[in-house]
């Protein structure tokens, strides 16, 4: 009888142990380490947690640990390390702490399993904890691996965003070096895409585009939460087939093929194409190129631009922490393109941006809140960036003696022709006159919606709707940066100076010059 009783008891113990292992495995499948620890605590009445060698929790316990529990775990961790034991039990002040190591792999330093329970210790606790180490080793390793993968994804995403920042700010060689370690390598010619869609699906779109275009760079835009930035090789046919979810939920703007060093130009082109795409049923558009004003003016633009920005070029920082001339020029270009969002583009604080803008205004002696002065600075920076060839040496010497003003440059006949081409879409037959009238008033009032609405005796929403219509006609962005607003101001100023009888009356009367 005694043998039968012992055999029955042993069998019942094995069944209970098997049930316990199955219970821990079910808890692990539900949520990993946390549910397993919670299951063990409920099964035994012990305080169960993972700890590191310093006695600190390696997994957030369900309830805060008491000092006594933390102290016992620390003592156990030290004894395991010093005596190289497989487990250790410590009794103190009516408490028992059992500490066992988990199995680590792939170079991971696994934590320790600790259980603190009042006397008397449940007889099945040591064996239960020994079985738990196998389950917890697997759950902890899986979670540790996921954390490492997440950190790697975050690091790679940050590095790719840094490459985009470098390209947009003209640091091409550094961007190439960093990109070479990530793949794909950056090509010599690129085509830029700006994709606008709901922020909630941006992560999904990144994955789908990465699978569909293995040789492209896809980066969430740091300036606009609803934009993706894609850089694809420019020496092949532009992408026309997009994932169905992308084509149905997003708008796509595409640049022309540009050299890698002109990625910023490609971005501006794609942004303008995006404005055109919003008004098309196919929800995508390619950039419709127009002649560049700086190139239209020619060598005189280079001489004027150098003189215009010379106060910034000649600036020398007084202190090590002050911006130098290169930083001020980069800040000016970014602010003209993105305004307040230049903080995200340049990765600087808004107070830093404000201080730099104040310095730029003082150096130039102009108020950059006026659209006329913004347009002049934008043209000067573009003439420098476009590397407009300077006049011949003899002509250059005479040009320095009689440097033209901006109004004189805008009065050139070829600039008048350029200006007519810029405004033709909003003055074409069939376009309501109120569209051009609203655009003109908006430009005259430094692109402020409220004063424009007051001047035209219409609502602010009506002004925005008419400007959105202008965007669709011009195939250029006006309300969101980077904007074509500076080109539009310069075109309308040139038309006023030309006093062309073919220009509608509502384009006359633009006041102010840079």
Protein backbone atom coordinates (compact mmCIF):
# COMPACT_ATOMS: atom_id res chain seq x y z
CA UNK A 1 0.00 0.00 0.00
CA UNK A 2 2.75 2.43 0.90
CA UNK A 3 4.46 1.76 -2.43
CA UNK A 4 1.21 2.34 -4.30
CA UNK A 5 0.62 5.57 -2.38
CA UNK A 6 4.10 6.81 -3.11
CA UNK A 7 3.73 5.88 -6.77
CA UNK A 8 0.39 7.68 -6.95
CA UNK A 9 1.80 10.74 -5.26
CA UNK A 10 4.80 10.78 -7.64
CA UNK A 11 2.51 10.44 -10.66
CA UNK A 12 0.31 13.25 -9.38
CA UNK A 13 3.42 15.39 -8.90
CA UNK A 14 4.57 14.73 -12.44
CA UNK A 15 1.14 15.60 -13.80
CA UNK A 16 1.05 18.79 -11.75
CA UNK A 17 4.54 19.71 -12.94
CA UNK A 18 3.57 19.10 -16.57
CA UNK A 19 0.44 21.24 -16.06
CA UNK A 20 2.61 23.99 -14.58
CA UNK A 21 4.96 23.95 -17.58
CA UNK A 22 1.99 24.07 -19.95
CA UNK A 23 0.51 26.95 -17.95
CA UNK A 24 3.75 28.92 -18.22
CA UNK A 25 3.97 28.22 -21.95
CA UNK A 26 0.39 29.43 -22.46
CA UNK A 27 1.20 32.60 -20.52
CA UNK A 28 4.32 33.11 -22.65
CA UNK A 29 2.28 32.83 -25.87
CA UNK A 30 -0.15 35.45 -24.55
CA UNK A 31 2.44 38.16 -23.95
CA UNK A 32 5.94 36.94 -23.19
CA UNK A 33 7.91 37.51 -20.01
CA UNK A 34 5.42 39.66 -18.09
CA UNK A 35 2.51 37.15 -18.14
CA UNK A 36 4.85 34.28 -17.20
CA UNK A 37 6.10 36.15 -14.12
CA UNK A 38 2.51 37.05 -13.22
CA UNK A 39 1.44 33.40 -13.59
CA UNK A 40 4.26 32.19 -11.31
CA UNK A 41 3.40 34.82 -8.69
CA UNK A 42 -0.26 33.77 -8.74
CA UNK A 43 0.64 30.10 -8.55
CA UNK A 44 3.06 30.41 -5.61
CA UNK A 45 2.19 33.63 -3.78
CA UNK A 46 5.81 34.80 -4.17
CA UNK A 47 7.11 38.14 -5.46
CA UNK A 48 8.71 37.07 -8.75
CA UNK A 49 10.86 39.32 -10.93
CA UNK A 50 13.90 39.44 -13.20
CA UNK A 51 16.94 41.25 -11.87
CA UNK A 52 20.40 42.12 -13.15
CA UNK A 53 23.69 41.54 -11.38
CA UNK A 54 23.34 44.90 -9.58
CA UNK A 55 20.00 43.92 -8.05
CA UNK A 56 17.95 46.28 -10.23
CA UNK A 57 14.82 44.92 -11.98
CA UNK A 58 15.57 43.78 -15.54
CA UNK A 59 11.84 43.58 -16.28
CA UNK A 60 9.30 45.97 -14.82
CA UNK A 61 7.59 44.09 -11.92
CA UNK A 62 3.83 44.30 -11.48
CA UNK A 63 4.23 46.02 -8.09
CA UNK A 64 7.14 48.13 -6.79
CA UNK A 65 9.78 46.06 -5.00
CA UNK A 66 10.34 46.61 -1.32
CA UNK A 67 13.83 47.42 -0.08
CA UNK A 68 14.08 44.04 1.65
CA UNK A 69 13.20 42.19 -1.55
CA UNK A 70 15.66 44.23 -3.57
CA UNK A 71 18.41 43.68 -0.99
CA UNK A 72 17.88 39.89 -0.94
CA UNK A 73 18.02 39.77 -4.74
CA UNK A 74 21.27 41.73 -4.74
CA UNK A 75 22.83 39.34 -2.19
CA UNK A 76 21.72 36.37 -4.25
CA UNK A 77 23.14 37.86 -7.46
CA UNK A 78 26.49 38.44 -5.76
CA UNK A 79 26.68 34.91 -4.35
CA UNK A 80 25.86 33.39 -7.72
CA UNK A 81 28.65 35.38 -9.33
CA UNK A 82 31.23 34.83 -6.61
CA UNK A 83 30.60 31.13 -5.96
CA UNK A 84 29.55 30.25 -9.53
CA UNK A 85 26.49 28.36 -8.34
CA UNK A 86 23.55 27.14 -10.39
CA UNK A 87 21.11 28.61 -7.87
CA UNK A 88 21.11 30.13 -4.40
CA UNK A 89 18.59 30.53 -1.57
CA UNK A 90 18.97 33.21 1.12
CA UNK A 91 16.96 33.44 4.37
CA UNK A 92 16.61 36.74 6.22
CA UNK A 93 13.98 38.34 8.48
CA UNK A 94 11.33 35.71 7.78
CA UNK A 95 11.84 35.88 4.00
CA UNK A 96 13.46 33.46 1.58
CA UNK A 97 14.90 34.60 -1.76
CA UNK A 98 15.66 32.03 -4.45
CA UNK A 99 17.81 33.27 -7.38
CA UNK A 100 18.49 31.33 -10.59
CA UNK A 101 20.23 32.46 -13.81
CA UNK A 102 18.50 32.46 -17.20
CA UNK A 103 20.22 31.15 -20.30
CA UNK A 104 21.64 33.82 -22.60
CA UNK A 105 22.89 33.50 -26.17
CA UNK A 106 24.16 35.60 -29.08
CA UNK A 107 26.34 37.54 -26.64
CA UNK A 108 23.33 38.66 -24.60
CA UNK A 109 23.89 38.97 -20.84
CA UNK A 110 20.77 37.25 -19.52
CA UNK A 111 19.19 38.46 -16.25
CA UNK A 112 18.47 36.40 -13.13
CA UNK A 113 15.13 35.02 -11.96
CA UNK A 114 14.38 35.94 -8.34
CA UNK A 115 11.47 34.89 -6.12
CA UNK A 116 10.92 36.23 -2.60
CA UNK A 117 8.42 34.44 -0.37
CA UNK A 118 7.66 34.44 3.40
CA UNK A 119 8.37 31.35 5.47
CA UNK A 120 7.49 28.57 5.06
CA UNK A 121 8.63 28.14 1.45
CA UNK A 122 6.15 26.17 -0.70
CA UNK A 123 7.88 22.82 -1.35
CA UNK A 124 7.21 22.93 -5.09
CA UNK A 125 8.67 26.46 -5.55
CA UNK A 126 12.32 25.56 -6.29
CA UNK A 127 11.36 23.01 -8.97
CA UNK A 128 8.77 25.37 -10.45
CA UNK A 129 11.36 28.16 -10.73
CA UNK A 130 13.85 25.76 -12.34
CA UNK A 131 11.25 24.85 -14.99
CA UNK A 132 10.40 28.55 -15.42
CA UNK A 133 13.99 29.43 -16.37
CA UNK A 134 13.66 27.54 -19.66
CA UNK A 135 10.45 29.35 -20.62
CA UNK A 136 11.71 32.74 -19.43
CA UNK A 137 15.05 32.32 -21.21
CA UNK A 138 13.20 31.99 -24.52
CA UNK A 139 10.76 34.86 -23.91
CA UNK A 140 13.46 37.19 -22.63
CA UNK A 141 15.79 36.40 -25.54
CA UNK A 142 12.98 36.99 -28.06
CA UNK A 143 12.14 40.34 -26.44
CA UNK A 144 15.82 41.27 -26.20
CA UNK A 145 16.24 40.51 -29.92
CA UNK A 146 13.18 42.57 -30.82
CA UNK A 147 14.51 45.50 -28.79
CA UNK A 148 17.85 45.30 -30.57
CA UNK A 149 16.14 45.12 -33.96
CA UNK A 150 13.99 48.13 -33.07
CA UNK A 151 17.07 50.10 -32.00
CA UNK A 152 18.78 49.16 -35.27
CA UNK A 153 15.73 50.25 -37.28
CA UNK A 154 15.61 53.57 -35.42
CA UNK A 155 19.35 54.07 -35.94
CA UNK A 156 19.10 53.27 -39.64
CA UNK A 157 16.08 55.54 -40.08
CA UNK A 158 17.93 58.35 -38.31
CA UNK A 159 21.00 57.80 -40.49
CA UNK A 160 18.92 57.84 -43.67
CA UNK A 161 17.23 61.03 -42.54
CA UNK A 162 20.68 62.51 -41.87
CA UNK A 163 21.72 61.60 -45.43
CA UNK A 164 18.64 63.41 -46.74
CA UNK A 165 19.47 66.48 -44.63
CA UNK A 166 23.03 66.47 -46.01
CA UNK A 167 21.81 66.24 -49.60
CA UNK A 168 19.24 69.00 -49.16
CA UNK A 169 21.90 71.24 -47.63
CA UNK A 170 24.45 70.58 -50.36
CA UNK A 171 26.87 68.27 -48.49
CA UNK A 172 26.95 65.68 -51.26
CA UNK A 173 30.31 64.02 -50.62
CA UNK A 174 29.57 63.37 -46.92
CA UNK A 175 26.12 62.03 -47.83
CA UNK A 176 27.70 59.61 -50.33
CA UNK A 177 30.12 58.28 -47.72
CA UNK A 178 27.39 57.61 -45.17
CA UNK A 179 25.01 56.15 -47.74
CA UNK A 180 27.66 53.71 -48.98
CA UNK A 181 27.49 51.89 -45.63
CA UNK A 182 23.69 51.49 -45.78
CA UNK A 183 22.95 50.71 -49.41
CA UNK A 184 21.83 51.35 -52.00
CA UNK A 185 24.61 53.66 -53.13
CA UNK A 186 23.52 57.13 -54.18
CA UNK A 187 23.48 57.51 -57.99
CA UNK A 188 24.96 60.43 -59.91
CA UNK A 189 21.54 61.41 -61.33
CA UNK A 190 18.40 61.22 -59.22
CA UNK A 191 14.68 61.71 -59.51
CA UNK A 192 12.93 63.03 -56.39
CA UNK A 193 9.41 62.03 -55.37
CA UNK A 194 7.31 63.67 -52.67
CA UNK A 195 4.41 61.45 -51.59
CA UNK A 196 1.58 62.94 -49.52
CA UNK A 197 -0.78 60.70 -47.61
CA UNK A 198 -2.36 60.02 -44.20
CA UNK A 199 0.33 59.96 -41.48
CA UNK A 200 -1.20 56.80 -39.98
CA UNK A 201 -0.17 54.70 -43.00
CA UNK A 202 3.26 56.27 -43.52
CA UNK A 203 5.11 53.36 -41.92
CA UNK A 204 3.19 50.87 -44.06
CA UNK A 205 3.96 52.83 -47.22
CA UNK A 206 7.67 52.93 -46.39
CA UNK A 207 7.71 49.12 -46.24
CA UNK A 208 5.73 48.68 -49.46
CA UNK A 209 7.83 51.18 -51.39
CA UNK A 210 11.06 49.63 -50.09
CA UNK A 211 9.91 46.23 -51.38
CA UNK A 212 8.76 47.66 -54.73
CA UNK A 213 11.80 49.87 -55.39
CA UNK A 214 14.90 48.19 -54.00
CA UNK A 215 17.30 50.78 -55.46
CA UNK A 216 15.52 53.83 -54.00
CA UNK A 217 15.93 55.79 -50.80
CA UNK A 218 12.65 56.25 -48.91
CA UNK A 219 12.67 58.54 -45.88
CA UNK A 220 9.78 60.00 -43.83
CA UNK A 221 9.94 63.75 -44.33
CA UNK A 222 11.14 65.51 -41.14
CA UNK A 223 9.31 68.71 -42.12
CA UNK A 224 5.81 67.41 -42.98
CA UNK A 225 4.28 64.48 -41.08
CA UNK A 226 2.11 63.53 -44.09
CA UNK A 227 5.00 63.41 -46.59
CA UNK A 228 7.45 60.75 -47.73
CA UNK A 229 10.66 61.64 -49.54
CA UNK A 230 11.85 59.15 -52.18
CA UNK A 231 15.12 59.37 -54.07
CA UNK A 232 15.30 57.09 -57.13
CA UNK A 233 17.92 56.71 -59.88
CA UNK A 234 17.35 59.35 -62.55
CA UNK A 235 18.95 57.54 -65.46
CA UNK A 236 15.95 55.32 -66.16
CA UNK A 237 12.26 55.59 -67.00
CA UNK A 238 10.32 57.32 -64.20
CA UNK A 239 8.22 55.15 -61.92
CA UNK A 240 4.64 54.81 -63.18
CA UNK A 241 3.29 51.77 -61.31
CA UNK A 242 2.72 52.26 -57.60
CA UNK A 243 1.34 49.92 -54.92
CA UNK A 244 -2.50 50.00 -55.02
CA UNK A 245 -2.78 51.43 -51.49
CA UNK A 246 -0.40 54.22 -52.44
CA UNK A 247 -2.18 55.12 -55.67
CA UNK A 248 -5.59 55.19 -53.95
CA UNK A 249 -4.72 57.09 -50.78
CA UNK A 250 -1.84 59.41 -51.72
CA UNK A 251 -0.73 62.15 -54.08
CA UNK A 252 2.65 61.90 -55.81
CA UNK A 253 4.88 64.68 -57.15
CA UNK A 254 7.84 63.79 -59.36
CA UNK A 255 10.86 65.90 -60.27
CA UNK A 256 12.90 65.87 -63.44
CA UNK A 257 16.21 63.99 -63.43
CA UNK A 258 18.76 66.18 -61.63
CA UNK A 259 22.38 65.69 -60.53
CA UNK A 260 22.72 64.37 -56.99
CA UNK A 261 24.28 67.66 -55.85
CA UNK A 262 21.02 69.39 -56.89
CA UNK A 263 18.76 67.21 -54.73
CA UNK A 264 17.34 70.35 -53.11
CA UNK A 265 16.24 71.57 -56.55
CA UNK A 266 14.68 68.18 -57.25
CA UNK A 267 12.83 68.34 -53.95
CA UNK A 268 11.39 71.77 -54.77
CA UNK A 269 10.34 70.48 -58.21
CA UNK A 270 8.62 67.42 -56.73
CA UNK A 271 6.88 69.61 -54.16
CA UNK A 272 5.49 71.85 -56.91
CA UNK A 273 4.43 68.78 -58.91
CA UNK A 274 2.60 67.57 -55.80
CA UNK A 275 0.52 70.77 -55.83
CA UNK A 276 -0.50 69.94 -59.41
CA UNK A 277 -1.23 66.30 -58.52
CA UNK A 278 -3.85 67.32 -55.95
CA UNK A 279 -6.08 68.57 -58.76
CA UNK A 280 -5.73 65.53 -61.04
CA UNK A 281 -7.80 62.35 -61.01
CA UNK A 282 -4.68 60.19 -61.43
CA UNK A 283 -3.32 61.80 -58.21
CA UNK A 284 0.23 62.19 -59.57
CA UNK A 285 2.11 64.74 -61.66
CA UNK A 286 5.58 65.41 -63.02
CA UNK A 287 7.26 68.78 -62.71
CA UNK A 288 6.49 71.15 -65.57
CA UNK A 289 9.75 73.02 -66.02
CA UNK A 290 9.82 76.76 -66.64
CA UNK A 291 12.85 78.90 -67.50
CA UNK A 292 14.82 79.91 -64.42
CA UNK A 293 14.81 83.67 -63.76
CA UNK A 294 18.48 83.81 -62.75
CA UNK A 295 19.51 82.08 -65.97
CA UNK A 296 17.10 84.29 -67.95
CA UNK A 297 18.76 87.44 -66.61
CA UNK A 298 22.21 86.04 -67.36
CA UNK A 299 25.63 87.27 -66.18
CA UNK A 300 24.20 90.48 -64.72
CA UNK A 301 22.32 88.33 -62.18
CA UNK A 302 25.60 86.86 -60.91
CA UNK A 303 27.20 90.27 -60.38
CA UNK A 304 24.09 91.65 -58.67
CA UNK A 305 23.71 88.56 -56.47
CA UNK A 306 27.33 88.66 -55.28
CA UNK A 307 26.95 92.28 -54.30
CA UNK A 308 23.59 91.63 -52.65
CA UNK A 309 24.77 88.84 -50.34
CA UNK A 310 28.32 90.17 -49.81
CA UNK A 311 27.44 91.40 -46.28
CA UNK A 312 26.63 87.81 -45.33
CA UNK A 313 29.63 86.36 -47.18
CA UNK A 314 31.97 88.80 -45.40
CA UNK A 315 30.51 88.06 -41.97
CA UNK A 316 32.91 86.61 -39.40
CA UNK A 317 31.62 84.97 -36.22
CA UNK A 318 32.76 86.79 -33.09
CA UNK A 319 32.45 83.77 -30.81
CA UNK A 320 32.93 80.06 -31.39
CA UNK A 321 29.22 79.38 -30.83
CA UNK A 322 28.06 82.10 -33.26
CA UNK A 323 27.09 81.13 -36.83
CA UNK A 324 29.59 81.82 -39.59
CA UNK A 325 28.74 83.03 -43.10
CA UNK A 326 28.11 79.52 -44.45
CA UNK A 327 25.64 78.74 -41.66
CA UNK A 328 23.84 82.04 -42.20
CA UNK A 329 23.52 81.41 -45.95
CA UNK A 330 22.21 77.89 -45.30
CA UNK A 331 19.75 79.28 -42.75
CA UNK A 332 18.55 81.95 -45.17
CA UNK A 333 17.97 79.39 -47.92
CA UNK A 334 16.16 77.01 -45.57
CA UNK A 335 13.96 79.74 -44.08
CA UNK A 336 12.97 81.04 -47.52
CA UNK A 337 11.95 77.50 -48.46
CA UNK A 338 10.32 76.34 -45.21
CA UNK A 339 9.84 79.44 -43.00
CA UNK A 340 9.13 78.27 -39.42
CA UNK A 341 9.59 74.62 -40.44
CA UNK A 342 13.24 75.38 -41.16
CA UNK A 343 13.88 74.30 -37.56
CA UNK A 344 13.06 70.71 -38.59
CA UNK A 345 14.97 71.02 -41.86
CA UNK A 346 18.12 72.33 -40.15
CA UNK A 347 17.66 70.42 -36.86
CA UNK A 348 17.97 73.59 -34.79
CA UNK A 349 15.90 75.20 -32.02
CA UNK A 350 13.39 77.91 -32.94
CA UNK A 351 15.31 80.42 -30.82
CA UNK A 352 18.46 79.62 -32.82
CA UNK A 353 16.55 80.18 -36.06
CA UNK A 354 15.16 83.49 -34.79
CA UNK A 355 18.61 84.71 -33.71
CA UNK A 356 20.14 83.81 -37.07
CA UNK A 357 17.34 85.56 -38.99
CA UNK A 358 17.86 88.68 -36.89
CA UNK A 359 21.56 88.59 -37.76
CA UNK A 360 20.80 88.14 -41.48
CA UNK A 361 18.36 91.06 -41.48
CA UNK A 362 20.89 93.29 -39.73
CA UNK A 363 23.62 92.36 -42.21
CA UNK A 364 21.40 92.97 -45.24
CA UNK A 365 19.66 95.99 -43.74
CA UNK A 366 16.25 94.69 -44.84
CA UNK A 367 13.06 93.43 -43.25
CA UNK A 368 12.59 89.82 -44.31
CA UNK A 369 8.96 89.87 -43.23
CA UNK A 370 8.31 91.85 -46.43
CA UNK A 371 7.75 89.65 -49.45
CA UNK A 372 9.71 91.99 -51.73
CA UNK A 373 12.86 91.54 -49.64
CA UNK A 374 12.35 87.79 -49.41
CA UNK A 375 12.05 87.56 -53.19
CA UNK A 376 15.24 89.55 -53.70
CA UNK A 377 17.21 87.33 -51.31
CA UNK A 378 15.76 84.18 -52.88
CA UNK A 379 16.81 85.34 -56.37
CA UNK A 380 20.32 86.18 -55.16
CA UNK A 381 20.77 82.77 -53.52
CA UNK A 382 19.42 81.02 -56.60
CA UNK A 383 21.78 82.91 -58.90
CA UNK A 384 24.71 81.81 -56.74
CA UNK A 385 23.50 78.20 -56.51
CA UNK A 386 22.79 78.01 -60.25
CA UNK A 387 26.39 79.12 -60.92
CA UNK A 388 25.31 81.74 -63.45
CA UNK A 389 28.51 82.62 -65.32
CA UNK A 390 29.83 86.08 -64.45
CA UNK A 391 30.33 88.68 -67.20
CA UNK A 392 33.70 88.82 -69.03
CA UNK A 393 36.47 90.56 -67.11
CA UNK A 394 36.15 93.87 -68.93
CA UNK A 395 32.39 93.85 -68.62
CA UNK A 396 32.70 92.79 -64.98
CA UNK A 397 34.83 95.83 -64.17
CA UNK A 398 32.26 98.14 -65.76
CA UNK A 399 29.45 96.23 -64.01
CA UNK A 400 31.06 96.86 -60.62
CA UNK A 401 31.10 100.56 -61.37
CA UNK A 402 27.44 100.61 -62.44
CA UNK A 403 25.88 97.71 -60.56
CA UNK A 404 22.20 97.35 -61.60
CA UNK A 405 19.34 97.39 -59.14
CA UNK A 406 16.84 94.58 -58.97
CA UNK A 407 14.24 96.73 -60.71
CA UNK A 408 16.67 97.34 -63.56
CA UNK A 409 17.23 93.59 -63.92
CA UNK A 410 13.49 92.96 -63.91
CA UNK A 411 13.03 95.61 -66.60
CA UNK A 412 15.04 93.64 -69.17
CA UNK A 413 12.86 92.63 -72.17
CA UNK A 414 13.69 88.94 -71.81
CA UNK A 415 12.60 89.11 -68.16
CA UNK A 416 9.30 90.60 -69.28
CA UNK A 417 8.78 87.62 -71.56
CA UNK A 418 9.64 85.28 -68.66
CA UNK A 419 7.12 87.08 -66.46
CA UNK A 420 4.34 86.77 -69.05
CA UNK A 421 4.96 83.03 -69.16
CA UNK A 422 4.76 82.79 -65.36
CA UNK A 423 1.34 84.45 -65.05
CA UNK A 424 -0.22 83.13 -68.28
CA UNK A 425 -1.97 80.14 -66.60
CA UNK A 426 -4.01 82.39 -64.28
CA UNK A 427 -4.79 85.00 -66.96
CA UNK A 428 -5.76 82.59 -69.73
CA UNK A 429 -9.20 82.88 -71.36
CA UNK A 430 -11.82 81.04 -69.38
CA UNK A 431 -10.11 81.51 -66.02
CA UNK A 432 -12.26 83.69 -63.71
CA UNK A 433 -10.72 87.13 -63.23
CA UNK A 434 -11.07 86.78 -59.47
CA UNK A 435 -8.30 84.14 -59.45
CA UNK A 436 -5.60 86.52 -60.71
CA UNK A 437 -7.09 89.38 -58.70
CA UNK A 438 -6.84 87.38 -55.47
CA UNK A 439 -3.31 86.20 -56.24
CA UNK A 440 -2.19 89.77 -56.92
CA UNK A 441 -3.77 91.17 -53.76
CA UNK A 442 -2.24 88.35 -51.70
CA UNK A 443 1.23 89.09 -53.08
CA UNK A 444 0.86 92.82 -52.52
CA UNK A 445 -0.10 92.17 -48.89
CA UNK A 446 2.99 90.06 -48.13
CA UNK A 447 1.07 86.78 -48.53
CA UNK A 448 -1.21 87.37 -45.52
CA UNK A 449 -4.61 85.69 -45.83
CA UNK A 450 -6.51 87.92 -43.38
CA UNK A 451 -5.60 91.32 -44.90
CA UNK A 452 -6.23 89.89 -48.38
CA UNK A 453 -9.71 88.79 -47.39
CA UNK A 454 -10.41 92.24 -45.93
CA UNK A 455 -9.11 94.03 -49.02
CA UNK A 456 -11.30 91.93 -51.33
CA UNK A 457 -14.33 91.83 -48.97
CA UNK A 458 -14.43 88.04 -49.02
CA UNK A 459 -13.86 85.35 -46.39
CA UNK A 460 -10.46 83.89 -45.53
CA UNK A 461 -11.64 80.47 -46.73
CA UNK A 462 -12.57 82.00 -50.10
CA UNK A 463 -9.05 83.43 -50.40
CA UNK A 464 -7.57 79.99 -49.69
CA UNK A 465 -9.84 78.33 -52.25
CA UNK A 466 -8.84 80.83 -54.94
CA UNK A 467 -5.16 80.41 -54.13
CA UNK A 468 -5.59 76.63 -54.27
CA UNK A 469 -7.10 77.13 -57.73
CA UNK A 470 -4.05 79.23 -58.64
CA UNK A 471 -1.81 76.37 -57.49
CA UNK A 472 -3.57 73.95 -59.81
CA UNK A 473 -3.32 76.35 -62.75
CA UNK A 474 0.31 77.31 -62.15
CA UNK A 475 1.28 73.73 -61.19
CA UNK A 476 3.23 75.28 -58.35
CA UNK A 477 2.82 75.24 -54.58
CA UNK A 478 1.82 78.58 -53.04
CA UNK A 479 0.25 77.87 -49.65
CA UNK A 480 2.79 75.32 -48.39
CA UNK A 481 6.56 75.66 -48.45
CA UNK A 482 8.67 75.32 -50.50
CA UNK A 483 6.54 77.76 -52.45
CA UNK A 484 6.71 79.52 -55.81
CA UNK A 485 5.61 82.74 -54.15
CA UNK A 486 8.93 84.51 -54.73
CA UNK A 487 8.89 83.80 -58.46
CA UNK A 488 5.31 85.02 -58.64
CA UNK A 489 6.18 88.27 -56.87
CA UNK A 490 9.16 88.86 -59.17
CA UNK A 491 7.04 88.11 -62.25
CA UNK A 492 4.31 90.53 -61.26
CA UNK A 493 6.87 93.20 -60.40
CA UNK A 494 8.50 92.74 -63.82
CA UNK A 495 5.12 93.12 -65.54
CA UNK A 496 4.43 96.33 -63.65
CA UNK A 497 7.82 97.72 -64.66
CA UNK A 498 7.29 96.73 -68.27
CA UNK A 499 3.92 98.58 -68.33
CA UNK A 500 2.76 96.09 -70.91
CA UNK A 501 -0.65 96.88 -72.36
CA UNK A 502 -1.26 93.16 -72.79
CA UNK A 503 -1.22 92.55 -69.05
CA UNK A 504 -4.65 92.61 -67.39
CA UNK A 505 -5.37 95.63 -65.23
CA UNK A 506 -5.52 93.62 -62.02
CA UNK A 507 -1.82 92.85 -62.41
CA UNK A 508 -0.86 96.49 -62.37
CA UNK A 509 -0.13 98.53 -59.29
CA UNK A 510 2.24 96.21 -57.44
CA UNK A 511 4.17 98.43 -55.09
CA UNK A 512 7.54 98.15 -53.44
CA UNK A 513 10.93 97.11 -54.70
CA UNK A 514 13.89 95.34 -53.15
